[in-house]
Amino acid sequence: RIDISINMEKTGANIKSQIKAKGYSVKDIMEITGV
C-alpha cells in the first residue's frame, strides 16, 4: 500500500505563490479555469 496525503495548507500556499509569481490575479484565474 502506498500511503500519501496532500498537505492542504502547504499546497494552498504553493498555488497562491505560483499564481502570484506568474502575475495572475484571482479574476484572471476565474476566467481561465471557469471557477
PDB file of all heavy atoms in Angstrom:
ATOM      1  N   ARG A   1       0.841  -1.186   0.000  1.00  0.00           N
ATOM      2  CA  ARG A   1       0.000   0.000   0.000  1.00  0.00           C
ATOM      3  C   ARG A   1       0.884   1.246   0.000  1.00  0.00           C
ATOM      4  O   ARG A   1       1.884   1.311   0.701  1.00  0.00           O
ATOM      5  CB  ARG A   1      -0.879   0.008   1.244  1.00  0.00           C
ATOM      6  CG  ARG A   1      -1.782   1.199   1.321  1.00  0.00           C
ATOM      7  CD  ARG A   1      -2.521   1.203   2.644  1.00  0.00           C
ATOM      8  NE  ARG A   1      -3.107   2.489   2.844  1.00  0.00           N
ATOM      9  CZ  ARG A   1      -4.406   2.694   2.939  1.00  0.00           C
ATOM     10  NH1 ARG A   1      -5.241   1.706   2.877  1.00  0.00           N
ATOM     11  NH2 ARG A   1      -4.869   3.908   3.111  1.00  0.00           N
ATOM     12  N   ILE A   2       0.500   2.225  -0.794  1.00  0.00           N
ATOM     13  CA  ILE A   2       1.221   3.485  -0.846  1.00  0.00           C
ATOM     14  C   ILE A   2       0.395   4.511  -0.098  1.00  0.00           C
ATOM     15  O   ILE A   2      -0.726   4.814  -0.486  1.00  0.00           O
ATOM     16  CB  ILE A   2       1.455   3.937  -2.304  1.00  0.00           C
ATOM     17  CG1 ILE A   2       2.281   2.899  -3.048  1.00  0.00           C
ATOM     18  CG2 ILE A   2       2.128   5.294  -2.333  1.00  0.00           C
ATOM     19  CD1 ILE A   2       2.446   3.191  -4.529  1.00  0.00           C
ATOM     20  N   ASP A   3       0.944   4.986   1.009  1.00  0.00           N
ATOM     21  CA  ASP A   3       0.240   5.974   1.821  1.00  0.00           C
ATOM     22  C   ASP A   3       0.796   7.359   1.556  1.00  0.00           C
ATOM     23  O   ASP A   3       1.970   7.618   1.794  1.00  0.00           O
ATOM     24  CB  ASP A   3       0.388   5.660   3.313  1.00  0.00           C
ATOM     25  CG  ASP A   3      -0.402   4.441   3.714  1.00  0.00           C
ATOM     26  OD1 ASP A   3      -1.546   4.311   3.253  1.00  0.00           O
ATOM     27  OD2 ASP A   3       0.113   3.628   4.492  1.00  0.00           O
ATOM     28  N   ILE A   4      -0.039   8.227   1.043  1.00  0.00           N
ATOM     29  CA  ILE A   4       0.337   9.621   0.834  1.00  0.00           C
ATOM     30  C   ILE A   4      -0.844  10.482   1.246  1.00  0.00           C
ATOM     31  O   ILE A   4      -1.973  10.014   1.330  1.00  0.00           O
ATOM     32  CB  ILE A   4       0.716   9.941  -0.633  1.00  0.00           C
ATOM     33  CG1 ILE A   4      -0.491   9.737  -1.545  1.00  0.00           C
ATOM     34  CG2 ILE A   4       1.906   9.145  -1.080  1.00  0.00           C
ATOM     35  CD1 ILE A   4      -0.346  10.415  -2.881  1.00  0.00           C
ATOM     36  N   SER A   5      -0.557  11.726   1.483  1.00  0.00           N
ATOM     37  CA  SER A   5      -1.646  12.681   1.691  1.00  0.00           C
ATOM     38  C   SER A   5      -1.180  14.033   1.170  1.00  0.00           C
ATOM     39  O   SER A   5       0.007  14.352   1.211  1.00  0.00           O
ATOM     40  CB  SER A   5      -2.052  12.769   3.160  1.00  0.00           C
ATOM     41  OG  SER A   5      -1.001  13.300   3.936  1.00  0.00           O
ATOM     42  N   ILE A   6      -2.127  14.786   0.686  1.00  0.00           N
ATOM     43  CA  ILE A   6      -1.829  16.124   0.199  1.00  0.00           C
ATOM     44  C   ILE A   6      -1.848  17.060   1.396  1.00  0.00           C
ATOM     45  O   ILE A   6      -2.822  17.104   2.144  1.00  0.00           O
ATOM     46  CB  ILE A   6      -2.860  16.570  -0.851  1.00  0.00           C
ATOM     47  CG1 ILE A   6      -2.782  15.657  -2.077  1.00  0.00           C
ATOM     48  CG2 ILE A   6      -2.641  18.033  -1.237  1.00  0.00           C
ATOM     49  CD1 ILE A   6      -3.894  15.862  -3.077  1.00  0.00           C
ATOM     50  N   ASN A   7      -0.764  17.794   1.589  1.00  0.00           N
ATOM     51  CA  ASN A   7      -0.713  18.787   2.650  1.00  0.00           C
ATOM     52  C   ASN A   7      -1.485  20.001   2.138  1.00  0.00           C
ATOM     53  O   ASN A   7      -1.000  20.760   1.302  1.00  0.00           O
ATOM     54  CB  ASN A   7       0.735  19.152   2.973  1.00  0.00           C
ATOM     55  CG  ASN A   7       0.835  20.104   4.139  1.00  0.00           C
ATOM     56  OD1 ASN A   7       0.136  21.110   4.202  1.00  0.00           O
ATOM     57  ND2 ASN A   7       1.718  19.795   5.061  1.00  0.00           N
ATOM     58  N   MET A   8      -2.700  20.143   2.632  1.00  0.00           N
ATOM     59  CA  MET A   8      -3.618  21.165   2.113  1.00  0.00           C
ATOM     60  C   MET A   8      -3.077  22.579   2.312  1.00  0.00           C
ATOM     61  O   MET A   8      -3.126  23.403   1.411  1.00  0.00           O
ATOM     62  CB  MET A   8      -4.983  21.022   2.779  1.00  0.00           C
ATOM     63  CG  MET A   8      -5.650  19.678   2.553  1.00  0.00           C
ATOM     64  SD  MET A   8      -6.297  19.495   0.901  1.00  0.00           S
ATOM     65  CE  MET A   8      -7.780  20.455   1.058  1.00  0.00           C
ATOM     66  N   GLU A   9      -2.572  22.854   3.515  1.00  0.00           N
ATOM     67  CA  GLU A   9      -2.101  24.202   3.821  1.00  0.00           C
ATOM     68  C   GLU A   9      -0.901  24.594   2.944  1.00  0.00           C
ATOM     69  O   GLU A   9      -0.867  25.680   2.356  1.00  0.00           O
ATOM     70  CB  GLU A   9      -1.714  24.276   5.303  1.00  0.00           C
ATOM     71  CG  GLU A   9      -1.834  25.659   5.885  1.00  0.00           C
ATOM     72  CD  GLU A   9      -1.707  25.613   7.400  1.00  0.00           C
ATOM     73  OE1 GLU A   9      -2.678  25.212   8.064  1.00  0.00           O
ATOM     74  OE2 GLU A   9      -0.619  25.975   7.890  1.00  0.00           O
ATOM     75  N   LYS A  10       0.063  23.690   2.846  1.00  0.00           N
ATOM     76  CA  LYS A  10       1.245  23.974   2.029  1.00  0.00           C
ATOM     77  C   LYS A  10       0.906  24.011   0.542  1.00  0.00           C
ATOM     78  O   LYS A  10       1.460  24.805  -0.213  1.00  0.00           O
ATOM     79  CB  LYS A  10       2.348  22.958   2.302  1.00  0.00           C
ATOM     80  CG  LYS A  10       2.987  23.131   3.658  1.00  0.00           C
ATOM     81  CD  LYS A  10       4.099  22.119   3.886  1.00  0.00           C
ATOM     82  CE  LYS A  10       4.719  22.300   5.259  1.00  0.00           C
ATOM     83  NZ  LYS A  10       5.763  21.274   5.505  1.00  0.00           N
ATOM     84  N   THR A  11      -0.020  23.151   0.120  1.00  0.00           N
ATOM     85  CA  THR A  11      -0.444  23.169  -1.276  1.00  0.00           C
ATOM     86  C   THR A  11      -1.120  24.489  -1.600  1.00  0.00           C
ATOM     87  O   THR A  11      -0.853  25.093  -2.642  1.00  0.00           O
ATOM     88  CB  THR A  11      -1.378  21.976  -1.589  1.00  0.00           C
ATOM     89  OG1 THR A  11      -0.616  20.765  -1.472  1.00  0.00           O
ATOM     90  CG2 THR A  11      -1.955  22.071  -2.991  1.00  0.00           C
ATOM     91  N   GLY A  12      -1.981  24.956  -0.710  1.00  0.00           N
ATOM     92  CA  GLY A  12      -2.653  26.241  -0.915  1.00  0.00           C
ATOM     93  C   GLY A  12      -1.665  27.385  -1.039  1.00  0.00           C
ATOM     94  O   GLY A  12      -1.767  28.233  -1.934  1.00  0.00           O
ATOM     95  N   ALA A  13      -0.685  27.396  -0.138  1.00  0.00           N
ATOM     96  CA  ALA A  13       0.340  28.438  -0.180  1.00  0.00           C
ATOM     97  C   ALA A  13       1.155  28.347  -1.470  1.00  0.00           C
ATOM     98  O   ALA A  13       1.501  29.370  -2.071  1.00  0.00           O
ATOM     99  CB  ALA A  13       1.256  28.324   1.034  1.00  0.00           C
ATOM    100  N   ASN A  14       1.411  27.118  -1.915  1.00  0.00           N
ATOM    101  CA  ASN A  14       2.157  26.915  -3.154  1.00  0.00           C
ATOM    102  C   ASN A  14       1.366  27.393  -4.366  1.00  0.00           C
ATOM    103  O   ASN A  14       1.903  28.056  -5.254  1.00  0.00           O
ATOM    104  CB  ASN A  14       2.538  25.442  -3.307  1.00  0.00           C
ATOM    105  CG  ASN A  14       3.441  25.209  -4.483  1.00  0.00           C
ATOM    106  OD1 ASN A  14       4.412  25.941  -4.703  1.00  0.00           O
ATOM    107  ND2 ASN A  14       3.136  24.190  -5.258  1.00  0.00           N
ATOM    108  N   ILE A  15       0.087  27.056  -4.404  1.00  0.00           N
ATOM    109  CA  ILE A  15      -0.768  27.504  -5.515  1.00  0.00           C
ATOM    110  C   ILE A  15      -0.775  29.031  -5.570  1.00  0.00           C
ATOM    111  O   ILE A  15      -0.584  29.625  -6.634  1.00  0.00           O
ATOM    112  CB  ILE A  15      -2.201  26.937  -5.369  1.00  0.00           C
ATOM    113  CG1 ILE A  15      -2.203  25.427  -5.620  1.00  0.00           C
ATOM    114  CG2 ILE A  15      -3.170  27.649  -6.324  1.00  0.00           C
ATOM    115  CD1 ILE A  15      -3.520  24.741  -5.293  1.00  0.00           C
ATOM    116  N   LYS A  16      -0.979  29.650  -4.426  1.00  0.00           N
ATOM    117  CA  LYS A  16      -1.005  31.111  -4.366  1.00  0.00           C
ATOM    118  C   LYS A  16       0.326  31.694  -4.849  1.00  0.00           C
ATOM    119  O   LYS A  16       0.349  32.624  -5.661  1.00  0.00           O
ATOM    120  CB  LYS A  16      -1.298  31.571  -2.938  1.00  0.00           C
ATOM    121  CG  LYS A  16      -1.378  33.067  -2.775  1.00  0.00           C
ATOM    122  CD  LYS A  16      -1.715  33.439  -1.340  1.00  0.00           C
ATOM    123  CE  LYS A  16      -1.844  34.947  -1.186  1.00  0.00           C
ATOM    124  NZ  LYS A  16      -2.205  35.308   0.195  1.00  0.00           N
ATOM    125  N   SER A  17       1.409  31.144  -4.363  1.00  0.00           N
ATOM    126  CA  SER A  17       2.739  31.630  -4.732  1.00  0.00           C
ATOM    127  C   SER A  17       3.009  31.484  -6.230  1.00  0.00           C
ATOM    128  O   SER A  17       3.508  32.413  -6.878  1.00  0.00           O
ATOM    129  CB  SER A  17       3.786  30.848  -3.929  1.00  0.00           C
ATOM    130  OG  SER A  17       5.074  31.144  -4.380  1.00  0.00           O
ATOM    131  N   GLN A  18       2.663  30.333  -6.770  1.00  0.00           N
ATOM    132  CA  GLN A  18       2.881  30.081  -8.202  1.00  0.00           C
ATOM    133  C   GLN A  18       2.047  31.039  -9.064  1.00  0.00           C
ATOM    134  O   GLN A  18       2.532  31.570 -10.067  1.00  0.00           O
ATOM    135  CB  GLN A  18       2.512  28.627  -8.554  1.00  0.00           C
ATOM    136  CG  GLN A  18       3.360  27.587  -7.876  1.00  0.00           C
ATOM    137  CD  GLN A  18       4.603  27.236  -8.661  1.00  0.00           C
ATOM    138  OE1 GLN A  18       4.900  27.785  -9.711  1.00  0.00           O
ATOM    139  NE2 GLN A  18       5.354  26.292  -8.134  1.00  0.00           N
ATOM    140  N   ILE A  19       0.796  31.253  -8.672  1.00  0.00           N
ATOM    141  CA  ILE A  19      -0.091  32.153  -9.420  1.00  0.00           C
ATOM    142  C   ILE A  19       0.428  33.586  -9.358  1.00  0.00           C
ATOM    143  O   ILE A  19       0.497  34.280 -10.374  1.00  0.00           O
ATOM    144  CB  ILE A  19      -1.544  32.042  -8.895  1.00  0.00           C
ATOM    145  CG1 ILE A  19      -2.149  30.701  -9.339  1.00  0.00           C
ATOM    146  CG2 ILE A  19      -2.401  33.213  -9.373  1.00  0.00           C
ATOM    147  CD1 ILE A  19      -3.496  30.373  -8.719  1.00  0.00           C
ATOM    148  N   LYS A  20       0.790  34.029  -8.158  1.00  0.00           N
ATOM    149  CA  LYS A  20       1.303  35.395  -7.991  1.00  0.00           C
ATOM    150  C   LYS A  20       2.608  35.597  -8.767  1.00  0.00           C
ATOM    151  O   LYS A  20       2.815  36.651  -9.366  1.00  0.00           O
ATOM    152  CB  LYS A  20       1.538  35.711  -6.509  1.00  0.00           C
ATOM    153  CG  LYS A  20       0.294  35.656  -5.655  1.00  0.00           C
ATOM    154  CD  LYS A  20      -0.541  36.875  -5.830  1.00  0.00           C
ATOM    155  CE  LYS A  20      -1.732  36.805  -4.884  1.00  0.00           C
ATOM    156  NZ  LYS A  20      -2.732  37.789  -5.173  1.00  0.00           N
ATOM    157  N   ALA A  21       3.489  34.587  -8.749  1.00  0.00           N
ATOM    158  CA  ALA A  21       4.780  34.692  -9.438  1.00  0.00           C
ATOM    159  C   ALA A  21       4.608  34.882 -10.947  1.00  0.00           C
ATOM    160  O   ALA A  21       5.433  35.534 -11.589  1.00  0.00           O
ATOM    161  CB  ALA A  21       5.626  33.449  -9.162  1.00  0.00           C
ATOM    162  N   LYS A  22       3.525  34.338 -11.494  1.00  0.00           N
ATOM    163  CA  LYS A  22       3.256  34.497 -12.929  1.00  0.00           C
ATOM    164  C   LYS A  22       2.438  35.751 -13.223  1.00  0.00           C
ATOM    165  O   LYS A  22       2.136  36.050 -14.374  1.00  0.00           O
ATOM    166  CB  LYS A  22       2.521  33.272 -13.474  1.00  0.00           C
ATOM    167  CG  LYS A  22       3.371  32.026 -13.504  1.00  0.00           C
ATOM    168  CD  LYS A  22       4.455  32.118 -14.554  1.00  0.00           C
ATOM    169  CE  LYS A  22       5.229  30.820 -14.602  1.00  0.00           C
ATOM    170  NZ  LYS A  22       6.225  30.779 -15.640  1.00  0.00           N
ATOM    171  N   GLY A  23       2.046  36.470 -12.183  1.00  0.00           N
ATOM    172  CA  GLY A  23       1.344  37.730 -12.377  1.00  0.00           C
ATOM    173  C   GLY A  23      -0.150  37.626 -12.619  1.00  0.00           C
ATOM    174  O   GLY A  23      -0.775  38.582 -13.060  1.00  0.00           O
ATOM    175  N   TYR A  24      -0.740  36.485 -12.303  1.00  0.00           N
ATOM    176  CA  TYR A  24      -2.182  36.326 -12.485  1.00  0.00           C
ATOM    177  C   TYR A  24      -2.935  36.841 -11.268  1.00  0.00           C
ATOM    178  O   TYR A  24      -2.500  36.662 -10.134  1.00  0.00           O
ATOM    179  CB  TYR A  24      -2.554  34.854 -12.699  1.00  0.00           C
ATOM    180  CG  TYR A  24      -2.104  34.282 -14.020  1.00  0.00           C
ATOM    181  CD1 TYR A  24      -1.071  33.349 -14.077  1.00  0.00           C
ATOM    182  CD2 TYR A  24      -2.716  34.670 -15.203  1.00  0.00           C
ATOM    183  CE1 TYR A  24      -0.665  32.814 -15.286  1.00  0.00           C
ATOM    184  CE2 TYR A  24      -2.315  34.137 -16.419  1.00  0.00           C
ATOM    185  CZ  TYR A  24      -1.286  33.218 -16.444  1.00  0.00           C
ATOM    186  OH  TYR A  24      -0.886  32.685 -17.639  1.00  0.00           O
ATOM    187  N   SER A  25      -4.090  37.442 -11.505  1.00  0.00           N
ATOM    188  CA  SER A  25      -4.979  37.865 -10.425  1.00  0.00           C
ATOM    189  C   SER A  25      -6.021  36.773 -10.186  1.00  0.00           C
ATOM    190  O   SER A  25      -6.162  35.841 -10.988  1.00  0.00           O
ATOM    191  CB  SER A  25      -5.691  39.163 -10.811  1.00  0.00           C
ATOM    192  OG  SER A  25      -6.625  38.919 -11.862  1.00  0.00           O
ATOM    193  N   VAL A  26      -6.760  36.917  -9.100  1.00  0.00           N
ATOM    194  CA  VAL A  26      -7.851  35.979  -8.820  1.00  0.00           C
ATOM    195  C   VAL A  26      -8.866  36.005  -9.963  1.00  0.00           C
ATOM    196  O   VAL A  26      -9.346  34.968 -10.407  1.00  0.00           O
ATOM    197  CB  VAL A  26      -8.516  36.300  -7.462  1.00  0.00           C
ATOM    198  CG1 VAL A  26      -9.793  35.514  -7.270  1.00  0.00           C
ATOM    199  CG2 VAL A  26      -7.541  36.039  -6.321  1.00  0.00           C
ATOM    200  N   LYS A  27      -9.165  37.191 -10.457  1.00  0.00           N
ATOM    201  CA  LYS A  27     -10.126  37.308 -11.571  1.00  0.00           C
ATOM    202  C   LYS A  27      -9.600  36.611 -12.828  1.00  0.00           C
ATOM    203  O   LYS A  27     -10.367  35.977 -13.560  1.00  0.00           O
ATOM    204  CB  LYS A  27     -10.443  38.770 -11.848  1.00  0.00           C
ATOM    205  CG  LYS A  27     -11.130  39.437 -10.667  1.00  0.00           C
ATOM    206  CD  LYS A  27     -12.324  40.224 -11.099  1.00  0.00           C
ATOM    207  CE  LYS A  27     -12.916  40.964  -9.927  1.00  0.00           C
ATOM    208  NZ  LYS A  27     -14.100  40.383  -9.390  1.00  0.00           N
ATOM    209  N   ASP A  28      -8.290  36.730 -13.088  1.00  0.00           N
ATOM    210  CA  ASP A  28      -7.692  36.022 -14.228  1.00  0.00           C
ATOM    211  C   ASP A  28      -7.897  34.519 -14.088  1.00  0.00           C
ATOM    212  O   ASP A  28      -8.300  33.843 -15.037  1.00  0.00           O
ATOM    213  CB  ASP A  28      -6.182  36.287 -14.326  1.00  0.00           C
ATOM    214  CG  ASP A  28      -5.818  37.716 -14.648  1.00  0.00           C
ATOM    215  OD1 ASP A  28      -6.633  38.412 -15.292  1.00  0.00           O
ATOM    216  OD2 ASP A  28      -4.709  38.134 -14.256  1.00  0.00           O
ATOM    217  N   ILE A  29      -7.610  34.009 -12.895  1.00  0.00           N
ATOM    218  CA  ILE A  29      -7.735  32.569 -12.654  1.00  0.00           C
ATOM    219  C   ILE A  29      -9.184  32.124 -12.794  1.00  0.00           C
ATOM    220  O   ILE A  29      -9.468  31.060 -13.354  1.00  0.00           O
ATOM    221  CB  ILE A  29      -7.162  32.193 -11.273  1.00  0.00           C
ATOM    222  CG1 ILE A  29      -5.661  32.498 -11.219  1.00  0.00           C
ATOM    223  CG2 ILE A  29      -7.427  30.733 -10.933  1.00  0.00           C
ATOM    224  CD1 ILE A  29      -4.810  31.815 -12.264  1.00  0.00           C
ATOM    225  N   MET A  30     -10.110  32.946 -12.341  1.00  0.00           N
ATOM    226  CA  MET A  30     -11.531  32.625 -12.504  1.00  0.00           C
ATOM    227  C   MET A  30     -11.882  32.498 -13.979  1.00  0.00           C
ATOM    228  O   MET A  30     -12.556  31.550 -14.392  1.00  0.00           O
ATOM    229  CB  MET A  30     -12.406  33.710 -11.857  1.00  0.00           C
ATOM    230  CG  MET A  30     -12.384  33.698 -10.347  1.00  0.00           C
ATOM    231  SD  MET A  30     -13.277  35.092  -9.622  1.00  0.00           S
ATOM    232  CE  MET A  30     -14.935  34.798 -10.226  1.00  0.00           C
ATOM    233  N   GLU A  31     -11.424  33.454 -14.777  1.00  0.00           N
ATOM    234  CA  GLU A  31     -11.738  33.447 -16.204  1.00  0.00           C
ATOM    235  C   GLU A  31     -11.105  32.253 -16.914  1.00  0.00           C
ATOM    236  O   GLU A  31     -11.744  31.586 -17.721  1.00  0.00           O
ATOM    237  CB  GLU A  31     -11.250  34.749 -16.842  1.00  0.00           C
ATOM    238  CG  GLU A  31     -11.668  34.895 -18.289  1.00  0.00           C
ATOM    239  CD  GLU A  31     -11.312  36.254 -18.857  1.00  0.00           C
ATOM    240  OE1 GLU A  31     -11.351  37.253 -18.111  1.00  0.00           O
ATOM    241  OE2 GLU A  31     -10.986  36.293 -20.051  1.00  0.00           O
ATOM    242  N   ILE A  32      -9.861  31.963 -16.586  1.00  0.00           N
ATOM    243  CA  ILE A  32      -9.134  30.881 -17.257  1.00  0.00           C
ATOM    244  C   ILE A  32      -9.695  29.510 -16.893  1.00  0.00           C
ATOM    245  O   ILE A  32      -9.827  28.643 -17.751  1.00  0.00           O
ATOM    246  CB  ILE A  32      -7.633  30.952 -16.895  1.00  0.00           C
ATOM    247  CG1 ILE A  32      -7.009  32.214 -17.497  1.00  0.00           C
ATOM    248  CG2 ILE A  32      -6.892  29.709 -17.364  1.00  0.00           C
ATOM    249  CD1 ILE A  32      -5.641  32.568 -16.930  1.00  0.00           C
ATOM    250  N   THR A  33     -10.026  29.318 -15.613  1.00  0.00           N
ATOM    251  CA  THR A  33     -10.444  27.995 -15.147  1.00  0.00           C
ATOM    252  C   THR A  33     -11.953  27.774 -15.187  1.00  0.00           C
ATOM    253  O   THR A  33     -12.406  26.635 -15.108  1.00  0.00           O
ATOM    254  CB  THR A  33      -9.980  27.758 -13.696  1.00  0.00           C
ATOM    255  OG1 THR A  33     -10.601  28.730 -12.845  1.00  0.00           O
ATOM    256  CG2 THR A  33      -8.465  27.820 -13.585  1.00  0.00           C
ATOM    257  N   GLY A  34     -12.708  28.853 -15.258  1.00  0.00           N
ATOM    258  CA  GLY A  34     -14.163  28.712 -15.218  1.00  0.00           C
ATOM    259  C   GLY A  34     -14.724  28.641 -13.811  1.00  0.00           C
ATOM    260  O   GLY A  34     -15.920  28.412 -13.627  1.00  0.00           O
ATOM    261  N   VAL A  35     -13.877  28.858 -12.818  1.00  0.00           N
ATOM    262  CA  VAL A  35     -14.351  28.912 -11.426  1.00  0.00           C
ATOM    263  C   VAL A  35     -15.210  30.162 -11.294  1.00  0.00           C
ATOM    264  O   VAL A  35     -14.834  31.234 -11.760  1.00  0.00           O
ATOM    265  CB  VAL A  35     -13.151  28.941 -10.448  1.00  0.00           C
ATOM    266  CG1 VAL A  35     -13.604  29.206  -9.030  1.00  0.00           C
ATOM    267  CG2 VAL A  35     -12.378  27.633 -10.529  1.00  0.00           C
TER     268      VAL A  35
END
